[in-house]
């Protein structure tokens, strides 16, 4: 707000005249709540995609989906038993006292973070570190690799598949089938059957590690399956940009709504960064 008092470029950007009084700092706090309540981040992403020059770049037939961990703005030291019992004794003084959790079992059923109660203990796979996080989900169209939907959920074993169904369902309301590419984490019979009931062809990577896959020859025999498996990996480029350049590797917000707001805006920003080049190439 101090910068608005003397920086003409800032004033031009926000639409304040040279002689107009700058806003009070409380305006930002009030607007932040309005942005959350109005679901402005999702509407902004949709508005970008609805532009005529952008819309013609998008595929309406072939999509890919994936999820990525977003570190919570809370430390593991904030994880306490929900019943306030069995806390390890603190060593040393101060607010950042040492705590020994060795041998103590912690789960989302019995423990929660006092800093961000909506964050969940989760690890991406065997041998991976357990941390407090959320899961950001993205739906990518396969023609140019632009994100056409984004959302954020609490971390959990079924979160990726539930979010994928939520994002693809509005695009499945058409007479011809569409395809959805995904990695092995989505190879579950229930998820595959749900896609097929929506007239969505599941181009999901087969997970045959000690189990049978829900994807059979009906899907893998087609050349389009191989193409989808190759293209779906491009969504990692979007997640890489969102987490490094977009600053979402470890969020600076607390609560699912605010973290999701920032994640969706970062997804829209990723599209905006790529669009000038794609539009120019399209002529």
Protein backbone atom coordinates (compact mmCIF):
# COMPACT_ATOMS: atom_id res chain seq x y z
CA UNK A 1 0.00 0.00 0.00
CA UNK A 2 2.95 2.33 0.61
CA UNK A 3 4.13 1.67 -2.94
CA UNK A 4 0.81 2.92 -4.29
CA UNK A 5 1.50 6.31 -2.72
CA UNK A 6 4.42 7.05 -5.05
CA UNK A 7 4.67 4.42 -7.82
CA UNK A 8 2.71 5.53 -10.93
CA UNK A 9 3.07 2.11 -12.55
CA UNK A 10 1.35 0.45 -9.59
CA UNK A 11 -1.42 3.05 -9.76
CA UNK A 12 -1.91 2.48 -13.49
CA UNK A 13 -2.06 -1.30 -13.00
CA UNK A 14 -4.82 -1.17 -10.36
CA UNK A 15 -6.69 1.73 -11.99
CA UNK A 16 -6.11 4.48 -9.43
CA UNK A 17 -5.73 8.05 -10.67
CA UNK A 18 -2.67 10.16 -9.92
CA UNK A 19 -4.47 12.28 -7.34
CA UNK A 20 -6.72 9.54 -5.91
CA UNK A 21 -6.17 8.28 -2.38
CA UNK A 22 -4.63 4.83 -2.03
CA UNK A 23 -6.70 2.07 -0.43
CA UNK A 24 -6.49 1.10 3.19
CA UNK A 25 -4.58 -2.14 3.74
CA UNK A 26 -7.72 -3.84 5.11
CA UNK A 27 -9.15 -3.82 1.56
CA UNK A 28 -6.88 -6.73 0.65
CA UNK A 29 -8.10 -8.81 3.58
CA UNK A 30 -11.73 -8.19 2.64
CA UNK A 31 -11.10 -8.91 -1.04
CA UNK A 32 -9.29 -12.14 -0.20
CA UNK A 33 -12.42 -13.46 1.50
CA UNK A 34 -14.55 -12.39 -1.46
CA UNK A 35 -12.21 -14.16 -3.87
CA UNK A 36 -12.56 -17.37 -1.88
CA UNK A 37 -16.32 -17.16 -1.52
CA UNK A 38 -16.84 -16.33 -5.19
CA UNK A 39 -14.60 -19.16 -6.46
CA UNK A 40 -12.76 -16.53 -8.49
CA UNK A 41 -9.69 -18.69 -9.18
CA UNK A 42 -11.72 -21.35 -11.02
CA UNK A 43 -13.70 -18.68 -12.88
CA UNK A 44 -10.47 -16.96 -13.92
CA UNK A 45 -9.05 -20.22 -15.29
CA UNK A 46 -12.29 -20.85 -17.20
CA UNK A 47 -12.32 -17.27 -18.56
CA UNK A 48 -8.80 -17.67 -19.95
CA UNK A 49 -9.78 -20.90 -21.71
CA UNK A 50 -12.99 -19.37 -23.07
CA UNK A 51 -11.16 -16.74 -25.14
CA UNK A 52 -11.81 -17.45 -28.84
CA UNK A 53 -8.12 -17.66 -29.80
CA UNK A 54 -7.47 -20.00 -26.89
CA UNK A 55 -10.53 -22.17 -27.32
CA UNK A 56 -9.53 -23.29 -30.79
CA UNK A 57 -6.22 -24.58 -29.40
CA UNK A 58 -7.89 -27.01 -27.01
CA UNK A 59 -8.69 -30.64 -27.61
CA UNK A 60 -12.21 -31.68 -26.63
CA UNK A 61 -11.57 -35.41 -27.15
CA UNK A 62 -8.34 -36.38 -25.39
CA UNK A 63 -7.28 -35.53 -21.84
CA UNK A 64 -4.79 -36.54 -19.16
CA UNK A 65 -5.02 -36.34 -15.40
CA UNK A 66 -2.59 -36.50 -12.50
CA UNK A 67 -2.02 -35.26 -8.97
CA UNK A 68 0.93 -33.75 -7.14
CA UNK A 69 1.71 -33.18 -3.46
CA UNK A 70 1.57 -29.62 -2.16
CA UNK A 71 3.47 -29.24 1.11
CA UNK A 72 1.43 -27.70 3.91
CA UNK A 73 2.50 -24.52 5.73
CA UNK A 74 3.00 -26.53 8.92
CA UNK A 75 5.84 -28.55 10.41
CA UNK A 76 5.77 -32.12 11.64
CA UNK A 77 6.26 -30.75 15.16
CA UNK A 78 2.73 -29.34 14.95
CA UNK A 79 1.27 -32.86 14.68
CA UNK A 80 -0.30 -33.65 18.04
CA UNK A 81 -2.66 -36.36 19.32
CA UNK A 82 -6.27 -35.33 18.88
CA UNK A 83 -7.04 -36.28 22.47
CA UNK A 84 -3.99 -34.31 23.73
CA UNK A 85 -2.49 -37.45 25.28
CA UNK A 86 0.77 -39.22 24.63
CA UNK A 87 2.70 -36.16 23.44
CA UNK A 88 6.47 -36.71 23.51
CA UNK A 89 8.28 -34.62 26.12
CA UNK A 90 9.82 -31.43 24.76
CA UNK A 91 13.54 -30.92 25.24
CA UNK A 92 14.91 -27.42 25.71
CA UNK A 93 13.01 -24.18 25.92
CA UNK A 94 11.48 -21.73 23.53
CA UNK A 95 8.78 -22.08 20.93
CA UNK A 96 10.91 -24.37 18.73
CA UNK A 97 11.66 -26.99 21.38
CA UNK A 98 13.03 -30.36 20.32
CA UNK A 99 10.61 -33.30 20.33
CA UNK A 100 11.45 -36.98 19.97
CA UNK A 101 8.82 -38.90 17.99
CA UNK A 102 10.91 -42.07 17.63
CA UNK A 103 8.76 -45.17 17.98
CA UNK A 104 5.53 -43.19 18.14
CA UNK A 105 2.84 -44.16 15.63
CA UNK A 106 1.03 -41.24 14.09
CA UNK A 107 -1.93 -41.40 11.71
CA UNK A 108 -4.63 -39.07 10.47
CA UNK A 109 -7.14 -40.94 12.64
CA UNK A 110 -5.33 -40.16 15.88
CA UNK A 111 -3.22 -37.07 15.12
CA UNK A 112 -3.69 -33.66 13.49
CA UNK A 113 -1.63 -30.55 12.91
CA UNK A 114 -2.36 -27.71 15.30
CA UNK A 115 -1.08 -25.24 12.68
CA UNK A 116 -3.23 -26.45 9.78
CA UNK A 117 -5.79 -29.06 10.90
CA UNK A 118 -6.91 -29.65 7.29
CA UNK A 119 -3.47 -30.85 6.19
CA UNK A 120 -2.98 -34.62 6.21
CA UNK A 121 -0.06 -36.96 6.83
CA UNK A 122 0.67 -38.65 3.51
CA UNK A 123 3.42 -40.24 1.47
CA UNK A 124 3.40 -40.70 -2.29
CA UNK A 125 4.73 -44.27 -2.25
CA UNK A 126 6.74 -46.90 -0.39
CA UNK A 127 10.02 -45.57 0.90
CA UNK A 128 8.89 -41.98 0.49
CA UNK A 129 8.89 -39.47 3.32
CA UNK A 130 5.62 -38.91 5.15
CA UNK A 131 4.76 -35.23 5.37
CA UNK A 132 1.90 -32.84 5.96
CA UNK A 133 0.39 -31.98 2.61
CA UNK A 134 -2.54 -31.57 0.26
CA UNK A 135 -2.92 -32.99 -3.25
CA UNK A 136 -3.27 -30.67 -6.23
CA UNK A 137 -5.02 -32.20 -9.25
CA UNK A 138 -4.80 -31.14 -12.87
CA UNK A 139 -6.73 -32.05 -16.01
CA UNK A 140 -4.75 -31.44 -19.21
CA UNK A 141 -5.96 -31.42 -22.80
CA UNK A 142 -3.61 -33.46 -24.96
CA UNK A 143 -3.26 -31.24 -28.03
CA UNK A 144 -1.06 -28.52 -26.53
CA UNK A 145 -0.73 -29.60 -22.90
CA UNK A 146 -2.81 -26.78 -21.39
CA UNK A 147 -4.55 -27.26 -18.06
CA UNK A 148 -8.32 -27.12 -18.50
CA UNK A 149 -9.20 -27.76 -14.86
CA UNK A 150 -7.46 -27.76 -11.49
CA UNK A 151 -8.54 -28.45 -7.94
CA UNK A 152 -7.08 -29.32 -4.57
CA UNK A 153 -8.14 -31.93 -2.03
CA UNK A 154 -6.97 -33.29 1.26
CA UNK A 155 -4.34 -35.98 0.85
CA UNK A 156 -5.65 -39.55 0.79
CA UNK A 157 -5.41 -42.83 -1.05
CA UNK A 158 -8.56 -42.31 -3.15
CA UNK A 159 -8.27 -38.53 -3.61
CA UNK A 160 -6.67 -38.63 -7.05
CA UNK A 161 -9.31 -40.91 -8.55
CA UNK A 162 -12.24 -39.04 -7.00
CA UNK A 163 -10.87 -35.70 -8.26
CA UNK A 164 -10.29 -37.15 -11.74
CA UNK A 165 -13.93 -38.25 -12.01
CA UNK A 166 -15.09 -34.84 -10.80
CA UNK A 167 -13.02 -32.99 -13.43
CA UNK A 168 -13.72 -35.23 -16.42
CA UNK A 169 -17.48 -35.67 -15.90
CA UNK A 170 -18.54 -32.26 -17.36
CA UNK A 171 -16.56 -33.03 -20.53
CA UNK A 172 -18.03 -36.50 -20.99
CA UNK A 173 -21.53 -35.23 -21.83
CA UNK A 174 -21.25 -35.79 -25.57
CA UNK A 175 -22.32 -38.53 -28.03
CA UNK A 176 -18.81 -39.72 -28.91
CA UNK A 177 -16.33 -41.18 -26.44
CA UNK A 178 -13.39 -39.20 -25.10
CA UNK A 179 -10.15 -40.56 -23.65
CA UNK A 180 -8.46 -39.98 -20.32
CA UNK A 181 -4.80 -40.85 -19.82
CA UNK A 182 -3.41 -41.50 -16.35
CA UNK A 183 -0.60 -43.30 -14.55
CA UNK A 184 -0.67 -46.59 -12.61
CA UNK A 185 -2.13 -45.01 -9.48
CA UNK A 186 -5.47 -44.77 -11.33
CA UNK A 187 -5.55 -48.47 -12.30
CA UNK A 188 -8.45 -49.48 -10.07
CA UNK A 189 -11.52 -51.43 -11.18
CA UNK A 190 -14.00 -49.01 -9.64
CA UNK A 191 -12.40 -45.99 -11.29
CA UNK A 192 -12.13 -47.66 -14.71
CA UNK A 193 -15.77 -48.80 -14.57
CA UNK A 194 -16.92 -45.30 -13.62
CA UNK A 195 -15.10 -43.85 -16.63
CA UNK A 196 -16.64 -46.37 -19.00
CA UNK A 197 -20.11 -45.65 -17.62
CA UNK A 198 -19.54 -41.99 -18.55
CA UNK A 199 -18.46 -42.95 -22.10
CA UNK A 200 -14.82 -42.12 -21.29
CA UNK A 201 -12.19 -44.53 -22.61
CA UNK A 202 -9.69 -45.17 -19.76
CA UNK A 203 -6.19 -44.82 -21.18
CA UNK A 204 -4.72 -45.73 -17.79
CA UNK A 205 -1.28 -47.27 -17.40
CA UNK A 206 -1.47 -50.92 -16.36
CA UNK A 207 -0.38 -51.80 -12.84
CA UNK A 208 0.57 -55.49 -12.88
CA UNK A 209 2.85 -55.43 -9.85
CA UNK A 210 1.57 -58.48 -7.99
CA UNK A 211 -1.99 -57.89 -9.15
CA UNK A 212 -4.20 -57.96 -12.21
CA UNK A 213 -4.87 -54.76 -14.10
CA UNK A 214 -8.32 -53.32 -14.68
CA UNK A 215 -7.12 -52.33 -18.18
CA UNK A 216 -7.29 -55.15 -20.70
CA UNK A 217 -6.80 -55.73 -24.41
CA UNK A 218 -9.98 -53.86 -25.27
CA UNK A 219 -8.03 -50.71 -24.53
CA UNK A 220 -4.34 -51.51 -25.00
CA UNK A 221 -4.73 -52.95 -28.52
CA UNK A 222 -5.55 -49.52 -29.95
CA UNK A 223 -2.80 -47.23 -31.18
CA UNK A 224 -4.39 -44.29 -29.40
CA UNK A 225 -3.63 -45.91 -26.04
CA UNK A 226 0.10 -45.77 -26.72
CA UNK A 227 -0.18 -42.13 -27.83
CA UNK A 228 -2.09 -41.19 -24.68
CA UNK A 229 0.50 -42.89 -22.48
CA UNK A 230 3.24 -40.85 -24.13
CA UNK A 231 1.44 -37.51 -24.02
CA UNK A 232 0.05 -37.83 -20.47
CA UNK A 233 3.54 -37.34 -19.05
CA UNK A 234 3.49 -33.72 -20.23
CA UNK A 235 1.32 -32.85 -17.25
CA UNK A 236 4.48 -33.16 -15.17
CA UNK A 237 5.78 -30.08 -17.00
CA UNK A 238 2.78 -28.12 -15.73
CA UNK A 239 3.23 -29.38 -12.19
CA UNK A 240 6.95 -28.60 -12.33
CA UNK A 241 6.22 -24.98 -13.31
CA UNK A 242 3.44 -24.60 -10.74
CA UNK A 243 5.63 -25.89 -7.91
CA UNK A 244 8.88 -24.10 -8.79
CA UNK A 245 8.05 -20.90 -10.68
CA UNK A 246 4.51 -20.71 -9.25
CA UNK A 247 5.79 -21.26 -5.72
CA UNK A 248 3.36 -24.05 -4.83
CA UNK A 249 5.85 -26.74 -3.83
CA UNK A 250 5.22 -25.66 -0.24
CA UNK A 251 2.23 -23.41 0.14
CA UNK A 252 2.25 -20.25 2.24
CA UNK A 253 -1.45 -20.53 3.01
CA UNK A 254 -3.35 -22.54 5.56
CA UNK A 255 -6.62 -24.33 5.03
CA UNK A 256 -7.81 -26.25 2.01
CA UNK A 257 -9.79 -23.35 0.51
CA UNK A 258 -6.89 -20.90 0.50
CA UNK A 259 -4.32 -23.46 -0.64
CA UNK A 260 -6.65 -24.56 -3.45
CA UNK A 261 -7.25 -20.93 -4.46
CA UNK A 262 -3.50 -20.38 -4.89
CA UNK A 263 -3.01 -23.68 -6.73
CA UNK A 264 -5.76 -22.95 -9.25
CA UNK A 265 -4.45 -19.44 -9.90
CA UNK A 266 -0.98 -20.94 -10.48
CA UNK A 267 -2.51 -23.34 -13.03
CA UNK A 268 -4.09 -20.39 -14.85
CA UNK A 269 -0.75 -18.55 -14.76
CA UNK A 270 0.97 -21.58 -16.34
CA UNK A 271 -1.47 -21.40 -19.25
CA UNK A 272 -0.97 -17.64 -19.63
CA UNK A 273 2.80 -18.04 -19.82
CA UNK A 274 2.50 -20.60 -22.63
CA UNK A 275 -0.35 -19.08 -24.61
CA UNK A 276 1.48 -16.25 -26.45
CA UNK A 277 3.81 -18.71 -28.15
CA UNK A 278 1.03 -21.20 -28.94
CA UNK A 279 -1.21 -18.48 -30.39
CA UNK A 280 1.64 -17.14 -32.50
CA UNK A 281 2.41 -20.62 -33.87
CA UNK A 282 -1.26 -21.18 -34.68
CA UNK A 283 -1.21 -18.01 -36.78
